[in-house]
Amino acid sequence: MLRMADSRSIRDRESSHCASFWWLLISDSHVDLRSFRRASSDSSNLNYIVSLFNENSGLYTGDGSVDIKGNPVLKSETGNWRACPFILGNECCERLAYYGIAANLVTYLTTKLHEGNVSAARNVTTWQGTCYLTPLIGAVLADAYWGRYWTIATFSTIYFIGMCTLTLSASVPAFKPPECVGSVCPSATPAQYAIFFFGLYLIALGTGGIKPCVSSFGADQFDDTDPKERVKKGSFFNWFYFSINIGALISSSLIVWIQENAGWGLGFGIPAVFMGMAIASFFFGTPLYRFQKPGGSPLTRMCQVLVAAFRKWNLSVPDDNTLLYETPDKSSAIEGSRKLLHTDELR
């Protein structure tokens, strides 16, 4: 009996010390007292108390952002404008590489691969159409499985391999047909076509993982729950589109001039170098990034919405608007997602 009384006394003292410790933490922050009492009533809610303190102390982001290891991130050390130059640099270099190829691709096909105008135009439009379809692949992978960071990193590497293949195709004599002799222009062999289009469609696949993710990943660097950072997010998109236009301007002027006057190998090689610089820049900023966890396939949720709408077709809407909220909890019921707050703007 004495041992049981002693152990009970020790547990009571530990519980008292723990409660005093958490009370000091709560008193220094702005955590709601009711939330603290509700969570502290059960020792299993210790992690919830920690999260309440982290979110309300102002030191950590409030939108669920984590670092690359999955830990909560400090506002003062991650995200915001300190992380954006690496993301903007990646986008600028990628657009420079893309338009450096697309702007003059018909000319290359007709003058170097000796295709007719109709065939060259058809190949270019097919490739450009593919570039605008592959983002569907990248978007699903980013949202459901890999997250935006790893999707950008993986597809940027694929893009770079495609650029290097295209550069080799335009530089190595064995990978391209001989020059025209008078009016006789030898056509490219199947192997030469295969090498060229292999590199070209690797680029189309690569841009499919970059295009849908870079702007969203940049927006992830700003905490939606912080009014000051929310304003900065709007400014980020201004700089984002500015970087796109800078890359397009350089490629449509300088790179095109180099291709027609200094050689196609150099004209494709310079964008490949810039793409390599973009990948290096992107990885260099990794410690500064804020990450959002993948939240599952959006196609699954779309189907769930359709099924729920069909099943609840005749359901009466409650008079109390607060009952229309997603969940009473602070975070979303779907892991990796943010809550959609109630609004009257769509009425």
Protein backbone atom coordinates (compact mmCIF):
# COMPACT_ATOMS: atom_id res chain seq x y z
CA MET A 1 0.00 0.00 0.00
CA LEU A 2 2.88 2.35 0.81
CA ARG A 3 4.43 1.75 -2.61
CA MET A 4 1.13 2.45 -4.32
CA ALA A 5 0.71 5.65 -2.31
CA ASP A 6 4.27 6.74 -3.10
CA SER A 7 3.88 6.09 -6.82
CA ARG A 8 0.55 7.95 -6.83
CA SER A 9 2.20 10.88 -5.05
CA ILE A 10 5.04 10.96 -7.59
CA ARG A 11 2.57 10.93 -10.49
CA ASP A 12 0.59 13.75 -8.88
CA ARG A 13 3.72 15.86 -8.46
CA GLU A 14 4.80 15.20 -12.07
CA SER A 15 1.34 16.07 -13.31
CA SER A 16 1.38 19.25 -11.24
CA HIS A 17 4.82 20.26 -12.55
CA CYS A 18 3.78 19.50 -16.15
CA ALA A 19 0.60 21.56 -15.75
CA SER A 20 2.59 24.44 -14.29
CA PHE A 21 5.06 24.27 -17.16
CA TRP A 22 2.36 24.35 -19.83
CA TRP A 23 0.54 27.11 -17.99
CA LEU A 24 3.68 29.27 -18.21
CA LEU A 25 3.89 28.59 -21.95
CA ILE A 26 0.26 29.41 -22.50
CA SER A 27 0.46 32.59 -20.44
CA ASP A 28 3.32 33.87 -22.63
CA SER A 29 1.35 33.26 -25.83
CA HIS A 30 -2.18 33.99 -26.96
CA VAL A 31 -3.62 30.48 -26.90
CA ASP A 32 -7.31 30.36 -26.11
CA LEU A 33 -7.74 29.23 -22.49
CA ARG A 34 -10.71 27.01 -23.35
CA SER A 35 -8.65 25.19 -25.97
CA PHE A 36 -5.89 24.63 -23.43
CA ARG A 37 -8.25 23.25 -20.79
CA ARG A 38 -9.93 20.96 -23.30
CA ALA A 39 -6.60 19.58 -24.52
CA SER A 40 -4.88 19.36 -21.11
CA SER A 41 -7.72 17.29 -19.64
CA ASP A 42 -6.17 14.27 -21.33
CA SER A 43 -2.43 13.63 -21.30
CA SER A 44 -2.71 12.07 -24.78
CA ASN A 45 -3.41 15.56 -26.13
CA LEU A 46 0.07 16.77 -25.31
CA ASN A 47 0.96 17.12 -29.00
CA TYR A 48 -2.17 19.19 -29.55
CA ILE A 49 -1.07 21.55 -26.76
CA VAL A 50 2.34 21.87 -28.38
CA SER A 51 0.74 22.65 -31.74
CA LEU A 52 -1.49 25.27 -30.14
CA PHE A 53 1.51 26.93 -28.59
CA ASN A 54 3.51 26.82 -31.81
CA GLU A 55 0.71 28.29 -33.89
CA ASN A 56 -0.17 31.05 -31.47
CA SER A 57 3.31 32.07 -30.40
CA GLY A 58 3.88 33.73 -33.80
CA LEU A 59 7.16 31.91 -34.34
CA TYR A 60 5.78 29.23 -36.64
CA THR A 61 3.59 29.34 -39.74
CA GLY A 62 -0.12 28.81 -39.28
CA ASP A 63 -0.92 27.21 -42.64
CA GLY A 64 0.55 23.77 -41.95
CA SER A 65 3.88 24.40 -43.70
CA VAL A 66 6.77 22.08 -42.89
CA ASP A 67 10.42 21.82 -43.84
CA ILE A 68 11.86 19.14 -46.11
CA LYS A 69 12.04 16.74 -43.13
CA GLY A 70 8.38 17.29 -42.22
CA ASN A 71 8.97 19.47 -39.16
CA PRO A 72 7.14 22.76 -38.43
CA VAL A 73 9.00 25.76 -39.86
CA LEU A 74 10.00 29.04 -38.26
CA LYS A 75 8.72 32.15 -39.98
CA SER A 76 11.96 34.01 -39.38
CA GLU A 77 14.16 31.42 -41.09
CA THR A 78 12.13 30.08 -44.01
CA GLY A 79 9.89 31.14 -46.86
CA ASN A 80 8.90 34.70 -47.66
CA TRP A 81 11.11 36.68 -50.06
CA ARG A 82 14.30 34.95 -48.91
CA ALA A 83 13.18 31.76 -50.73
CA CYS A 84 11.62 33.35 -53.81
CA PRO A 85 14.76 34.30 -55.85
CA PHE A 86 15.61 30.60 -56.29
CA ILE A 87 12.08 29.82 -57.50
CA LEU A 88 11.90 32.85 -59.79
CA GLY A 89 15.34 32.02 -61.21
CA ASN A 90 14.20 28.50 -61.99
CA GLU A 91 11.13 29.78 -63.84
CA CYS A 92 13.08 32.43 -65.77
CA CYS A 93 15.68 29.93 -66.97
CA GLU A 94 13.06 27.32 -67.85
CA ARG A 95 11.10 29.80 -69.97
CA LEU A 96 14.33 30.95 -71.62
CA ALA A 97 15.09 27.34 -72.52
CA TYR A 98 11.55 26.63 -73.77
CA TYR A 99 11.20 29.70 -75.97
CA GLY A 100 14.79 29.32 -77.13
CA ILE A 101 13.65 26.12 -78.80
CA ALA A 102 10.04 26.89 -79.72
CA ALA A 103 10.65 30.31 -81.29
CA ASN A 104 12.89 28.98 -84.06
CA LEU A 105 12.08 25.29 -84.23
CA VAL A 106 10.40 25.41 -87.65
CA THR A 107 13.53 27.00 -89.10
CA TYR A 108 15.73 24.23 -87.66
CA LEU A 109 13.50 21.48 -89.03
CA THR A 110 13.44 22.96 -92.53
CA THR A 111 17.09 24.06 -92.83
CA LYS A 112 18.91 21.36 -90.83
CA LEU A 113 16.67 18.29 -90.91
CA HIS A 114 15.48 19.21 -94.44
CA GLU A 115 11.78 18.83 -93.76
CA GLY A 116 9.07 20.52 -95.81
CA ASN A 117 7.20 23.49 -94.40
CA VAL A 118 4.00 21.51 -93.83
CA SER A 119 5.78 18.64 -92.07
CA ALA A 120 7.85 21.02 -89.93
CA ALA A 121 4.80 23.05 -88.89
CA ARG A 122 2.91 19.87 -88.02
CA ASN A 123 5.76 18.55 -85.87
CA VAL A 124 6.11 21.87 -84.02
CA THR A 125 2.41 22.24 -83.26
CA THR A 126 2.21 18.60 -82.10
CA TRP A 127 5.14 19.17 -79.76
CA GLN A 128 3.69 22.41 -78.40
CA GLY A 129 0.34 20.73 -77.84
CA THR A 130 2.08 17.98 -75.90
CA CYS A 131 3.80 20.64 -73.76
CA TYR A 132 0.37 21.92 -72.74
CA LEU A 133 -1.03 18.45 -72.01
CA THR A 134 1.79 17.06 -69.85
CA PRO A 135 1.08 19.53 -66.99
CA LEU A 136 -1.93 17.33 -66.20
CA ILE A 137 0.54 14.57 -65.30
CA GLY A 138 2.71 16.87 -63.21
CA ALA A 139 -0.26 18.38 -61.37
CA VAL A 140 -1.68 14.99 -60.32
CA LEU A 141 1.73 13.71 -59.18
CA ALA A 142 2.39 16.88 -57.18
CA ASP A 143 -1.00 17.02 -55.47
CA ALA A 144 -1.42 13.33 -54.76
CA TYR A 145 2.00 11.78 -54.29
CA TRP A 146 5.27 13.71 -54.56
CA GLY A 147 4.50 17.26 -53.51
CA ARG A 148 5.46 20.32 -55.55
CA TYR A 149 9.14 20.40 -54.62
CA TRP A 150 10.01 16.86 -55.68
CA THR A 151 7.84 17.14 -58.80
CA ILE A 152 9.73 20.27 -59.89
CA ALA A 153 13.08 18.70 -59.04
CA THR A 154 12.38 15.45 -60.93
CA PHE A 155 10.88 16.99 -64.05
CA SER A 156 13.53 19.73 -64.18
CA THR A 157 16.15 16.99 -64.36
CA ILE A 158 14.22 15.31 -67.19
CA TYR A 159 14.01 18.69 -68.93
CA PHE A 160 17.79 19.16 -68.62
CA ILE A 161 18.48 15.69 -70.08
CA GLY A 162 16.23 16.57 -73.01
CA MET A 163 18.09 19.85 -73.55
CA CYS A 164 21.44 18.06 -73.55
CA THR A 165 20.13 15.44 -76.02
CA LEU A 166 18.85 18.18 -78.31
CA THR A 167 22.20 20.00 -78.13
CA LEU A 168 24.07 16.81 -79.07
CA SER A 169 21.65 16.22 -81.93
CA ALA A 170 22.50 19.67 -83.34
CA SER A 171 26.26 19.47 -82.63
CA VAL A 172 27.49 15.94 -83.43
CA PRO A 173 27.78 15.42 -87.24
CA ALA A 174 26.65 11.78 -87.02
CA PHE A 175 23.38 12.88 -85.35
CA LYS A 176 22.25 15.19 -88.16
CA PRO A 177 22.02 14.89 -91.97
CA PRO A 178 24.71 16.39 -94.24
CA GLU A 179 24.36 19.94 -95.54
CA CYS A 180 22.58 20.56 -98.82
CA VAL A 181 24.64 20.39 -102.00
CA GLY A 182 23.00 22.77 -104.40
CA SER A 183 19.37 21.80 -104.55
CA VAL A 184 19.99 18.30 -103.21
CA CYS A 185 19.23 18.04 -99.48
CA PRO A 186 19.67 14.58 -97.93
CA SER A 187 16.89 13.72 -95.51
CA ALA A 188 17.59 12.69 -91.93
CA THR A 189 17.88 8.99 -91.15
CA PRO A 190 15.39 7.32 -88.77
CA ALA A 191 18.10 7.18 -86.08
CA GLN A 192 18.80 10.90 -86.43
CA TYR A 193 15.09 11.68 -86.20
CA ALA A 194 14.80 9.40 -83.16
CA ILE A 195 17.58 11.19 -81.27
CA PHE A 196 16.20 14.64 -82.07
CA PHE A 197 12.57 13.88 -81.18
CA PHE A 198 13.60 11.91 -78.11
CA GLY A 199 15.26 15.04 -76.71
CA LEU A 200 12.40 17.25 -77.86
CA TYR A 201 9.70 15.19 -76.13
CA LEU A 202 11.78 14.80 -72.98
CA ILE A 203 11.56 18.59 -72.82
CA ALA A 204 7.78 18.38 -73.29
CA LEU A 205 7.57 15.91 -70.42
CA GLY A 206 9.86 18.04 -68.26
CA THR A 207 7.84 21.19 -68.72
CA GLY A 208 4.76 19.24 -67.63
CA GLY A 209 6.12 18.95 -64.10
CA ILE A 210 7.39 22.53 -63.88
CA LYS A 211 4.56 24.56 -65.40
CA PRO A 212 1.77 23.60 -62.92
CA CYS A 213 3.94 23.60 -59.79
CA VAL A 214 6.36 26.55 -59.77
CA SER A 215 3.82 29.33 -59.21
CA SER A 216 2.01 27.28 -56.53
CA PHE A 217 5.28 26.39 -54.83
CA GLY A 218 6.19 30.07 -54.77
CA ALA A 219 2.82 30.88 -53.20
CA ASP A 220 3.50 28.24 -50.53
CA GLN A 221 6.36 30.41 -49.25
CA PHE A 222 3.85 32.92 -47.85
CA ASP A 223 1.69 32.15 -44.84
CA ASP A 224 -2.01 32.67 -45.64
CA THR A 225 -2.79 33.16 -41.96
CA ASP A 226 -0.45 36.15 -41.74
CA PRO A 227 -2.01 39.32 -43.25
CA LYS A 228 1.41 40.83 -44.03
CA GLU A 229 2.64 37.76 -45.89
CA ARG A 230 -0.66 37.49 -47.73
CA VAL A 231 -0.03 40.92 -49.25
CA LYS A 232 3.48 39.89 -50.27
CA LYS A 233 2.08 36.87 -52.09
CA GLY A 234 0.35 39.17 -54.59
CA SER A 235 3.65 40.92 -55.23
CA PHE A 236 5.31 37.55 -55.81
CA PHE A 237 3.02 36.80 -58.75
CA ASN A 238 3.96 40.14 -60.33
CA TRP A 239 7.63 39.16 -60.19
CA PHE A 240 6.78 35.65 -61.35
CA TYR A 241 5.26 36.84 -64.62
CA PHE A 242 8.02 39.39 -64.99
CA SER A 243 10.61 36.57 -64.84
CA ILE A 244 8.64 34.63 -67.48
CA ASN A 245 8.70 37.60 -69.85
CA ILE A 246 12.40 38.26 -69.25
CA GLY A 247 13.22 34.67 -70.20
CA ALA A 248 10.99 34.85 -73.28
CA LEU A 249 12.50 38.18 -74.34
CA ILE A 250 16.09 36.95 -74.13
CA SER A 251 15.35 33.71 -75.98
CA SER A 252 13.25 35.33 -78.72
CA SER A 253 15.96 37.88 -79.49
CA LEU A 254 19.47 36.94 -78.42
CA ILE A 255 19.15 33.13 -78.55
CA VAL A 256 17.46 33.22 -81.96
CA TRP A 257 20.25 35.47 -83.30
CA ILE A 258 22.90 33.05 -81.96
CA GLN A 259 21.16 30.08 -83.57
CA GLU A 260 21.08 31.68 -87.01
CA ASN A 261 24.51 33.33 -86.91
CA ALA A 262 26.75 31.31 -84.55
CA GLY A 263 25.35 27.81 -84.98
CA TRP A 264 22.53 25.65 -83.70
CA GLY A 265 24.72 23.66 -81.35
CA LEU A 266 25.58 26.83 -79.46
CA GLY A 267 22.01 28.11 -79.81
CA PHE A 268 20.66 24.99 -78.09
CA GLY A 269 23.61 24.65 -75.73
CA ILE A 270 23.15 28.05 -74.06
CA PRO A 271 19.54 27.30 -72.99
CA ALA A 272 20.77 23.91 -71.74
CA VAL A 273 23.37 25.66 -69.57
CA PHE A 274 20.71 28.02 -68.22
CA MET A 275 18.49 25.04 -67.41
CA GLY A 276 21.35 23.46 -65.49
CA MET A 277 21.80 26.73 -63.59
CA ALA A 278 18.07 26.75 -62.82
CA ILE A 279 18.24 23.27 -61.28
CA ALA A 280 21.30 24.18 -59.21
CA SER A 281 19.61 27.36 -58.02
CA PHE A 282 16.45 25.50 -57.10
CA PHE A 283 18.28 22.88 -55.01
CA PHE A 284 20.46 25.54 -53.38
CA GLY A 285 17.40 27.17 -51.83
CA THR A 286 16.07 23.93 -50.27
CA PRO A 287 16.81 24.86 -46.60
CA LEU A 288 14.77 28.06 -47.03
CA TYR A 289 11.64 26.55 -48.55
CA ARG A 290 8.29 25.90 -46.92
CA PHE A 291 6.55 22.71 -48.02
CA GLN A 292 2.90 21.66 -48.12
CA LYS A 293 2.20 17.94 -47.73
CA PRO A 294 0.48 16.14 -50.63
CA GLY A 295 -3.25 15.95 -50.00
CA GLY A 296 -4.35 13.10 -52.26
CA SER A 297 -5.64 12.98 -55.79
CA PRO A 298 -7.93 15.89 -56.74
CA LEU A 299 -9.78 13.56 -59.11
CA THR A 300 -10.88 11.47 -56.14
CA ARG A 301 -12.25 14.53 -54.37
CA MET A 302 -14.08 15.67 -57.49
CA CYS A 303 -15.82 12.30 -57.65
CA GLN A 304 -16.62 12.51 -53.93
CA VAL A 305 -18.22 15.93 -54.42
CA LEU A 306 -20.36 14.64 -57.28
CA VAL A 307 -21.49 11.60 -55.28
CA ALA A 308 -22.24 13.72 -52.19
CA ALA A 309 -24.16 16.28 -54.25
CA PHE A 310 -26.26 13.53 -55.82
CA ARG A 311 -27.01 11.81 -52.50
CA LYS A 312 -27.88 15.08 -50.71
CA TRP A 313 -29.88 16.62 -53.53
CA ASN A 314 -32.96 17.27 -51.36
CA LEU A 315 -31.11 18.09 -48.13
CA SER A 316 -32.33 21.26 -46.44
CA VAL A 317 -29.73 23.96 -45.79
CA PRO A 318 -29.49 24.86 -42.07
CA ASP A 319 -30.38 28.37 -40.91
CA ASP A 320 -27.15 28.60 -38.90
CA ASN A 321 -24.29 29.42 -41.31
CA THR A 322 -21.67 28.07 -38.92
CA LEU A 323 -22.99 24.55 -39.55
CA LEU A 324 -21.83 24.85 -43.16
CA TYR A 325 -18.17 24.97 -42.15
CA GLU A 326 -16.05 22.02 -43.20
CA THR A 327 -15.23 20.83 -39.67
CA PRO A 328 -15.26 22.44 -36.20
CA ASP A 329 -11.52 21.80 -35.88
CA LYS A 330 -8.90 24.35 -36.79
CA SER A 331 -7.27 22.23 -39.48
CA SER A 332 -8.77 20.48 -42.48
CA ALA A 333 -10.07 16.93 -42.16
CA ILE A 334 -8.09 16.06 -45.32
CA GLU A 335 -4.38 15.65 -44.64
CA GLY A 336 -2.27 18.09 -46.62
CA SER A 337 -5.19 20.44 -47.33
CA ARG A 338 -6.30 23.76 -45.92
CA LYS A 339 -9.78 24.59 -44.70
CA LEU A 340 -12.12 26.48 -46.99
CA LEU A 341 -13.61 29.19 -44.79
CA HIS A 342 -17.25 30.16 -45.11
CA THR A 343 -17.97 33.15 -47.35
CA ASP A 344 -21.03 35.04 -48.57
CA GLU A 345 -19.31 36.39 -51.70
CA LEU A 346 -20.61 33.65 -54.02
CA ARG A 347 -24.28 34.23 -53.25
